[in-house]
């Protein structure tokens, strides 16, 4: 498959699809009550990674889910060692794992230290027990406090919290309280999303049956503005539409996605962008166990035009860095304005994008209308 010296280092995502309970809003390839397949699944991951070139350099390692923190310390070690033996981790590899409050324990936290995990991402979503129950989470606010205290006690300082707003039945006051309580926990990083209704979820079904009232759009906007204001006051910088960090604590793995750089996803339903192709693994644990072979050779390489479109709009998701003229020019050998004549100028004129000479960024209004902005780059 060619010499590794010339291969661009990739981000590596590993999907652990097992959950104690499936949340009402979740559309990921995650499955409850399937833990009996865990060891077979880990073996399948090892088979899948073996299809990639030995010695391929990796620059980030991200365990997502599902609930990666239901792995035992031994299972996690086996998987990490298999990855390290096959790929070539760069020095100072960013290693992230998602943790569900109330799972894991002292042995796992110390194993994570031993294996060099540098970022722990806690799926908090809300700090209101009533809302946690309403969205199908299997933990309480107390579990969040307890888990966070335990992982810090074990020496993990770089912690990120996930939050969701515009939940059914959530008032502005409820959200304000969660934001204040989350800030009091002083993590290094936040990922914050407005609820998205996905068809294949419990919430999607209930909404179609008229059994679920969603937050009105103006309330969702007010909630989003509130979090942006509070986080800025507390010293967090917004570096991507849904991501805030203390300076120096931005997630490198996520920036690989927004810079449209190569990454490989292992596991059921995982997505990859490697050697100019986008592809995904089939969903379903049984399907994946039957054939954990990556589907990349069957995919057509992306056309130059599609790569340009994706590079432009993904860069605009980065609210601080944005779409840089120099970076785009070096990648494609032409100015971004040549590729998309009139598009960026039009967006600037409408006040959706700002031009500071070095490149383009979404304005605060553009952040709210980002899907409309991104659509301007597609299919030209």
Protein backbone atom coordinates (compact mmCIF):
# COMPACT_ATOMS: atom_id res chain seq x y z
CA UNK A 1 0.00 0.00 0.00
CA UNK A 2 2.96 2.36 -0.43
CA UNK A 3 5.66 3.66 1.94
CA UNK A 4 4.45 5.01 5.26
CA UNK A 5 6.94 7.89 5.28
CA UNK A 6 4.80 9.71 2.70
CA UNK A 7 1.48 8.90 4.38
CA UNK A 8 -0.29 11.85 6.05
CA UNK A 9 -0.92 11.15 9.78
CA UNK A 10 -4.61 10.46 10.43
CA UNK A 11 -7.06 10.86 13.28
CA UNK A 12 -8.27 7.48 14.53
CA UNK A 13 -11.81 7.10 15.87
CA UNK A 14 -12.86 3.86 17.60
CA UNK A 15 -16.58 3.27 18.06
CA UNK A 16 -17.73 1.35 21.15
CA UNK A 17 -21.45 0.86 20.43
CA UNK A 18 -22.55 -0.66 23.76
CA UNK A 19 -24.85 1.25 26.10
CA UNK A 20 -26.59 0.38 29.33
CA UNK A 21 -29.65 2.17 27.92
CA UNK A 22 -30.42 3.92 24.63
CA UNK A 23 -31.27 7.63 25.04
CA UNK A 24 -34.49 8.90 23.50
CA UNK A 25 -32.67 11.37 21.18
CA UNK A 26 -29.76 9.14 20.10
CA UNK A 27 -29.34 8.27 16.42
CA UNK A 28 -25.82 6.80 16.70
CA UNK A 29 -25.02 3.15 16.06
CA UNK A 30 -25.45 2.27 19.75
CA UNK A 31 -27.15 -0.74 21.28
CA UNK A 32 -28.37 -1.55 24.80
CA UNK A 33 -28.19 -5.00 26.37
CA UNK A 34 -25.61 -6.37 23.91
CA UNK A 35 -22.61 -6.59 26.25
CA UNK A 36 -22.29 -10.35 25.69
CA UNK A 37 -20.79 -9.47 22.28
CA UNK A 38 -18.10 -7.21 23.75
CA UNK A 39 -15.12 -9.56 23.45
CA UNK A 40 -16.12 -10.65 19.93
CA UNK A 41 -16.50 -6.98 19.01
CA UNK A 42 -12.99 -6.15 20.30
CA UNK A 43 -11.61 -9.03 18.23
CA UNK A 44 -13.45 -7.67 15.16
CA UNK A 45 -11.93 -4.21 15.76
CA UNK A 46 -8.47 -5.82 15.76
CA UNK A 47 -9.32 -7.60 12.50
CA UNK A 48 -10.53 -4.33 10.95
CA UNK A 49 -7.48 -2.31 11.93
CA UNK A 50 -5.30 -5.06 10.41
CA UNK A 51 -6.71 -4.12 6.98
CA UNK A 52 -4.97 -0.74 7.20
CA UNK A 53 -1.23 -0.33 6.47
CA UNK A 54 1.06 -1.31 9.33
CA UNK A 55 2.95 1.72 10.60
CA UNK A 56 0.35 4.23 9.40
CA UNK A 57 0.99 7.32 11.57
CA UNK A 58 -1.92 8.40 13.81
CA UNK A 59 -2.08 11.86 15.38
CA UNK A 60 -5.19 11.49 17.56
CA UNK A 61 -7.01 8.55 19.11
CA UNK A 62 -10.66 8.99 20.08
CA UNK A 63 -12.83 6.35 21.77
CA UNK A 64 -16.48 7.30 21.26
CA UNK A 65 -19.82 5.59 21.58
CA UNK A 66 -22.02 4.34 22.89
CA UNK A 67 -20.30 4.11 26.24
CA UNK A 68 -16.56 3.34 26.00
CA UNK A 69 -16.36 3.57 29.80
CA UNK A 70 -18.21 0.24 30.14
CA UNK A 71 -15.01 -1.49 28.93
CA UNK A 72 -13.05 -3.20 31.68
CA UNK A 73 -9.48 -1.93 32.25
CA UNK A 74 -8.20 -5.18 30.66
CA UNK A 75 -10.39 -4.83 27.57
CA UNK A 76 -9.36 -1.21 27.09
CA UNK A 77 -5.67 -2.08 27.47
CA UNK A 78 -5.93 -4.93 24.97
CA UNK A 79 -7.47 -2.61 22.39
CA UNK A 80 -5.05 0.28 22.94
CA UNK A 81 -2.03 -2.07 22.76
CA UNK A 82 -3.34 -3.59 19.50
CA UNK A 83 -3.71 -0.09 18.02
CA UNK A 84 -0.23 0.96 19.16
CA UNK A 85 1.32 -2.25 17.79
CA UNK A 86 -0.24 -1.81 14.33
CA UNK A 87 -0.24 1.95 13.80
CA UNK A 88 2.51 4.47 14.55
CA UNK A 89 1.27 6.95 17.19
CA UNK A 90 2.93 10.37 16.95
CA UNK A 91 4.70 11.62 20.09
CA UNK A 92 2.25 13.44 22.40
CA UNK A 93 -0.71 11.65 20.79
CA UNK A 94 -4.00 13.21 21.94
CA UNK A 95 -5.98 10.33 23.47
CA UNK A 96 -9.65 11.00 24.24
CA UNK A 97 -12.33 8.74 25.71
CA UNK A 98 -16.02 9.44 26.23
CA UNK A 99 -17.33 8.60 29.70
CA UNK A 100 -20.90 8.13 30.83
CA UNK A 101 -21.48 9.43 34.38
CA UNK A 102 -22.02 6.53 36.77
CA UNK A 103 -19.94 4.04 34.74
CA UNK A 104 -16.27 3.12 35.15
CA UNK A 105 -14.49 3.12 38.48
CA UNK A 106 -11.08 3.60 40.17
CA UNK A 107 -9.43 0.73 38.25
CA UNK A 108 -10.51 2.20 34.89
CA UNK A 109 -9.46 5.74 35.83
CA UNK A 110 -5.97 4.60 36.81
CA UNK A 111 -5.70 2.41 33.69
CA UNK A 112 -6.55 5.46 31.56
CA UNK A 113 -3.67 7.33 33.23
CA UNK A 114 -1.34 4.42 32.59
CA UNK A 115 -2.39 4.25 28.92
CA UNK A 116 -1.71 7.96 28.46
CA UNK A 117 -5.27 9.24 27.93
CA UNK A 118 -5.08 13.03 27.84
CA UNK A 119 -8.76 14.03 27.47
CA UNK A 120 -11.84 12.64 29.20
CA UNK A 121 -15.18 13.72 27.74
CA UNK A 122 -18.14 13.39 30.11
CA UNK A 123 -21.63 12.98 28.61
CA UNK A 124 -23.51 15.20 31.05
CA UNK A 125 -26.27 16.60 28.75
CA UNK A 126 -28.17 18.17 31.68
CA UNK A 127 -27.75 18.68 35.43
CA UNK A 128 -31.50 18.52 36.04
CA UNK A 129 -32.70 15.07 37.17
CA UNK A 130 -36.21 15.63 35.83
CA UNK A 131 -34.89 16.40 32.34
CA UNK A 132 -32.29 13.61 32.46
CA UNK A 133 -35.11 11.12 33.07
CA UNK A 134 -37.26 12.71 30.35
CA UNK A 135 -34.56 12.28 27.68
CA UNK A 136 -33.80 8.69 28.71
CA UNK A 137 -30.38 9.18 30.33
CA UNK A 138 -29.42 6.48 32.82
CA UNK A 139 -27.61 8.79 35.25
CA UNK A 140 -28.39 11.59 37.70
CA UNK A 141 -26.76 14.95 38.38
CA UNK A 142 -25.23 13.36 41.48
CA UNK A 143 -23.56 10.72 39.25
CA UNK A 144 -21.94 13.56 37.28
CA UNK A 145 -20.48 15.14 40.43
CA UNK A 146 -19.31 11.79 41.76
CA UNK A 147 -17.70 10.63 38.49
CA UNK A 148 -16.02 13.97 37.89
CA UNK A 149 -14.59 14.02 41.42
CA UNK A 150 -13.28 10.44 40.99
CA UNK A 151 -11.56 11.04 37.64
CA UNK A 152 -9.95 14.23 38.97
CA UNK A 153 -8.85 12.37 42.09
CA UNK A 154 -7.12 9.88 39.74
CA UNK A 155 -5.14 12.77 38.21
CA UNK A 156 -7.15 13.55 35.07
CA UNK A 157 -7.24 17.33 34.64
CA UNK A 158 -8.26 17.74 31.01
CA UNK A 159 -12.01 17.15 31.18
CA UNK A 160 -14.70 18.11 28.66
CA UNK A 161 -18.45 18.23 29.35
CA UNK A 162 -21.23 17.66 26.79
CA UNK A 163 -24.51 19.55 27.21
CA UNK A 164 -27.76 19.62 25.20
CA UNK A 165 -30.36 22.40 25.24
CA UNK A 166 -33.85 22.97 23.79
CA UNK A 167 -34.96 19.72 25.44
CA UNK A 168 -38.71 19.01 25.55
CA UNK A 169 -40.13 20.68 28.66
CA UNK A 170 -36.94 22.68 29.38
CA UNK A 171 -37.48 26.33 30.36
CA UNK A 172 -34.93 29.11 29.96
CA UNK A 173 -34.57 29.10 33.74
CA UNK A 174 -33.81 25.33 33.72
CA UNK A 175 -31.10 25.86 31.10
CA UNK A 176 -29.63 28.83 32.94
CA UNK A 177 -29.33 26.72 36.08
CA UNK A 178 -27.59 23.88 34.21
CA UNK A 179 -25.16 26.34 32.57
CA UNK A 180 -24.30 27.91 35.96
CA UNK A 181 -23.83 24.50 37.58
CA UNK A 182 -21.71 23.26 34.65
CA UNK A 183 -19.46 26.35 34.84
CA UNK A 184 -19.02 25.74 38.58
CA UNK A 185 -17.51 22.32 37.68
CA UNK A 186 -14.70 24.17 35.83
CA UNK A 187 -13.96 21.76 32.97
CA UNK A 188 -11.37 22.72 30.32
CA UNK A 189 -13.77 22.24 27.42
CA UNK A 190 -17.48 22.19 26.57
CA UNK A 191 -19.38 20.69 23.63
CA UNK A 192 -22.89 22.13 23.52
CA UNK A 193 -25.66 21.24 21.09
CA UNK A 194 -29.26 22.22 20.51
CA UNK A 195 -31.47 19.12 20.38
CA UNK A 196 -31.78 17.71 16.87
CA UNK A 197 -34.80 15.52 16.23
CA UNK A 198 -33.74 12.38 14.32
CA UNK A 199 -36.36 10.19 12.65
CA UNK A 200 -35.07 6.84 13.88
CA UNK A 201 -35.16 7.76 17.57
CA UNK A 202 -37.82 7.42 20.27
CA UNK A 203 -38.20 11.21 20.22
CA UNK A 204 -38.69 11.11 16.44
CA UNK A 205 -41.48 8.54 16.76
CA UNK A 206 -43.20 10.39 19.62
CA UNK A 207 -43.03 13.67 17.73
CA UNK A 208 -44.70 12.10 14.66
CA UNK A 209 -47.42 10.76 16.98
CA UNK A 210 -47.97 14.23 18.45
CA UNK A 211 -46.74 13.11 21.89
CA UNK A 212 -43.68 15.38 22.08
CA UNK A 213 -43.63 19.18 22.22
CA UNK A 214 -40.35 20.69 21.00
CA UNK A 215 -38.91 23.98 22.24
CA UNK A 216 -40.03 26.94 20.07
CA UNK A 217 -37.29 28.29 17.81
CA UNK A 218 -37.02 31.67 19.54
CA UNK A 219 -36.48 29.92 22.89
CA UNK A 220 -33.74 27.75 21.34
CA UNK A 221 -31.99 30.89 20.00
CA UNK A 222 -32.22 32.58 23.41
CA UNK A 223 -30.74 29.47 25.07
CA UNK A 224 -27.89 29.38 22.56
CA UNK A 225 -27.15 33.08 23.03
CA UNK A 226 -27.21 32.65 26.81
CA UNK A 227 -24.60 29.89 26.77
CA UNK A 228 -22.34 31.85 24.39
CA UNK A 229 -22.51 34.89 26.67
CA UNK A 230 -21.93 32.99 29.93
CA UNK A 231 -19.03 30.95 28.55
CA UNK A 232 -17.30 34.04 27.12
CA UNK A 233 -17.63 35.81 30.50
CA UNK A 234 -16.06 32.75 32.18
CA UNK A 235 -13.02 32.81 29.85
CA UNK A 236 -13.93 30.01 27.42
CA UNK A 237 -13.24 30.68 23.74
CA UNK A 238 -15.65 29.47 21.08
CA UNK A 239 -13.45 27.81 18.45
CA UNK A 240 -16.14 25.86 16.60
CA UNK A 241 -19.93 26.26 16.33
CA UNK A 242 -20.58 23.79 19.19
CA UNK A 243 -17.22 23.86 21.03
CA UNK A 244 -15.74 26.09 23.72
CA UNK A 245 -12.36 25.67 25.41
CA UNK A 246 -10.00 27.30 27.82
CA UNK A 247 -7.04 28.56 25.73
CA UNK A 248 -4.83 25.60 24.78
CA UNK A 249 -7.50 22.96 25.48
CA UNK A 250 -9.15 22.73 22.05
CA UNK A 251 -9.81 19.17 20.84
CA UNK A 252 -7.26 18.30 18.14
CA UNK A 253 -9.33 15.33 16.98
CA UNK A 254 -12.38 17.47 16.23
CA UNK A 255 -10.23 20.00 14.35
CA UNK A 256 -9.14 17.21 11.98
CA UNK A 257 -12.80 16.91 10.92
CA UNK A 258 -13.29 20.68 10.46
CA UNK A 259 -10.02 21.07 8.53
CA UNK A 260 -11.17 18.24 6.25
CA UNK A 261 -8.05 16.22 7.01
CA UNK A 262 -7.90 12.40 6.88
CA UNK A 263 -9.34 10.21 9.62
CA UNK A 264 -10.20 6.54 9.98
CA UNK A 265 -13.18 5.22 11.93
CA UNK A 266 -13.14 1.67 13.30
CA UNK A 267 -16.28 -0.18 14.40
CA UNK A 268 -19.93 -0.43 13.46
CA UNK A 269 -21.37 2.66 11.76
CA UNK A 270 -18.01 4.49 11.92
CA UNK A 271 -17.20 7.02 9.19
CA UNK A 272 -13.82 7.54 7.51
CA UNK A 273 -12.19 10.02 5.12
CA UNK A 274 -8.94 8.50 3.93
CA UNK A 275 -6.91 8.57 0.72
CA UNK A 276 -9.47 10.84 -0.91
CA UNK A 277 -12.48 8.60 -0.21
CA UNK A 278 -15.38 8.91 2.24
CA UNK A 279 -16.94 5.66 3.43
CA UNK A 280 -18.72 4.19 6.43
CA UNK A 281 -19.02 0.81 8.10
CA UNK A 282 -22.42 -0.91 8.17
CA UNK A 283 -24.59 -0.39 11.24
CA UNK A 284 -25.53 -3.29 13.48
CA UNK A 285 -23.27 -5.32 15.73
CA UNK A 286 -24.14 -8.63 14.02
CA UNK A 287 -23.44 -7.23 10.55
CA UNK A 288 -20.13 -5.79 11.66
CA UNK A 289 -19.02 -8.98 13.46
CA UNK A 290 -19.79 -11.00 10.31
CA UNK A 291 -17.48 -8.81 8.19
CA UNK A 292 -15.36 -6.07 9.79
CA UNK A 293 -13.60 -5.22 6.48
CA UNK A 294 -13.32 -1.48 5.71
CA UNK A 295 -15.33 -0.50 2.64
CA UNK A 296 -12.87 2.07 1.29
CA UNK A 297 -11.68 0.32 -1.92
CA UNK A 298 -15.30 0.14 -3.22
CA UNK A 299 -15.79 3.90 -2.86
CA UNK A 300 -15.14 6.29 -5.71
CA UNK A 301 -12.55 8.94 -4.79
CA UNK A 302 -14.13 12.34 -4.16
CA UNK A 303 -13.94 14.74 -7.08
CA UNK A 304 -11.77 17.82 -6.67
CA UNK A 305 -14.94 19.96 -6.66
CA UNK A 306 -16.57 18.02 -3.80
CA UNK A 307 -13.33 18.21 -1.81
CA UNK A 308 -13.24 21.98 -2.35
CA UNK A 309 -16.87 22.40 -1.26
CA UNK A 310 -16.38 20.32 1.87
CA UNK A 311 -13.11 22.04 2.76
CA UNK A 312 -14.73 25.49 2.48
CA UNK A 313 -17.85 24.90 4.53
CA UNK A 314 -16.21 22.68 7.16
CA UNK A 315 -13.59 25.40 7.74
CA UNK A 316 -16.38 27.90 8.39
CA UNK A 317 -17.57 25.71 11.28
CA UNK A 318 -14.38 26.86 13.04
CA UNK A 319 -15.58 30.14 14.45
CA UNK A 320 -12.11 31.44 15.39
CA UNK A 321 -9.84 30.07 12.64
CA UNK A 322 -12.36 30.10 9.83
CA UNK A 323 -11.68 29.64 6.13
CA UNK A 324 -8.12 30.92 5.66
CA UNK A 325 -7.14 32.14 2.19
CA UNK A 326 -3.54 30.90 2.53
CA UNK A 327 -4.50 27.41 3.73
CA UNK A 328 -7.09 26.98 0.98
CA UNK A 329 -4.69 28.31 -1.68
CA UNK A 330 -1.91 25.92 -0.62
CA UNK A 331 -4.26 22.95 -0.75
CA UNK A 332 -5.92 23.64 -4.10
CA UNK A 333 -3.56 25.97 -5.97
CA UNK A 334 -6.26 28.57 -6.52
CA UNK A 335 -7.97 31.32 -4.55
CA UNK A 336 -11.13 30.38 -2.70
CA UNK A 337 -12.91 33.27 -4.45
CA UNK A 338 -11.99 31.70 -7.83
CA UNK A 339 -13.56 28.38 -6.83
CA UNK A 340 -16.76 30.02 -5.53
CA UNK A 341 -17.19 33.23 -7.54
CA UNK A 342 -19.42 35.72 -5.76
CA UNK A 343 -20.40 33.31 -2.96
CA UNK A 344 -18.23 34.68 -0.15
CA UNK A 345 -18.70 38.29 -1.24
CA UNK A 346 -22.48 37.73 -1.16
CA UNK A 347 -22.33 36.19 2.33
CA UNK A 348 -20.23 39.13 3.59
CA UNK A 349 -22.73 41.57 2.08
CA UNK A 350 -25.58 39.80 3.90
CA UNK A 351 -23.71 40.01 7.20
CA UNK A 352 -23.48 36.22 7.56
CA UNK A 353 -19.70 36.03 7.09
CA UNK A 354 -16.91 38.46 7.99
CA UNK A 355 -13.70 39.00 5.99
CA UNK A 356 -10.67 40.10 8.02
CA UNK A 357 -8.19 40.04 5.12
CA UNK A 358 -6.66 36.67 6.10
CA UNK A 359 -9.88 34.76 5.59
CA UNK A 360 -13.57 34.37 6.35
CA UNK A 361 -15.46 33.60 9.54
CA UNK A 362 -19.12 33.24 10.41
CA UNK A 363 -20.64 36.33 12.02
CA UNK A 364 -22.73 35.80 15.16
CA UNK A 365 -25.83 35.86 12.91
CA UNK A 366 -24.09 33.48 10.49
CA UNK A 367 -23.56 30.98 13.31
CA UNK A 368 -27.34 30.72 13.74
CA UNK A 369 -27.90 30.47 9.99
CA UNK A 370 -24.88 28.25 9.34
CA UNK A 371 -26.77 25.58 7.37
CA UNK A 372 -27.97 28.26 4.98
CA UNK A 373 -24.37 29.53 4.66
CA UNK A 374 -22.96 26.04 3.99
CA UNK A 375 -25.62 25.32 1.35
CA UNK A 376 -24.22 28.20 -0.78
CA UNK A 377 -21.05 26.16 -1.42
CA UNK A 378 -22.75 23.00 -2.59
CA UNK A 379 -23.44 21.79 -6.10
CA UNK A 380 -21.97 24.82 -7.86
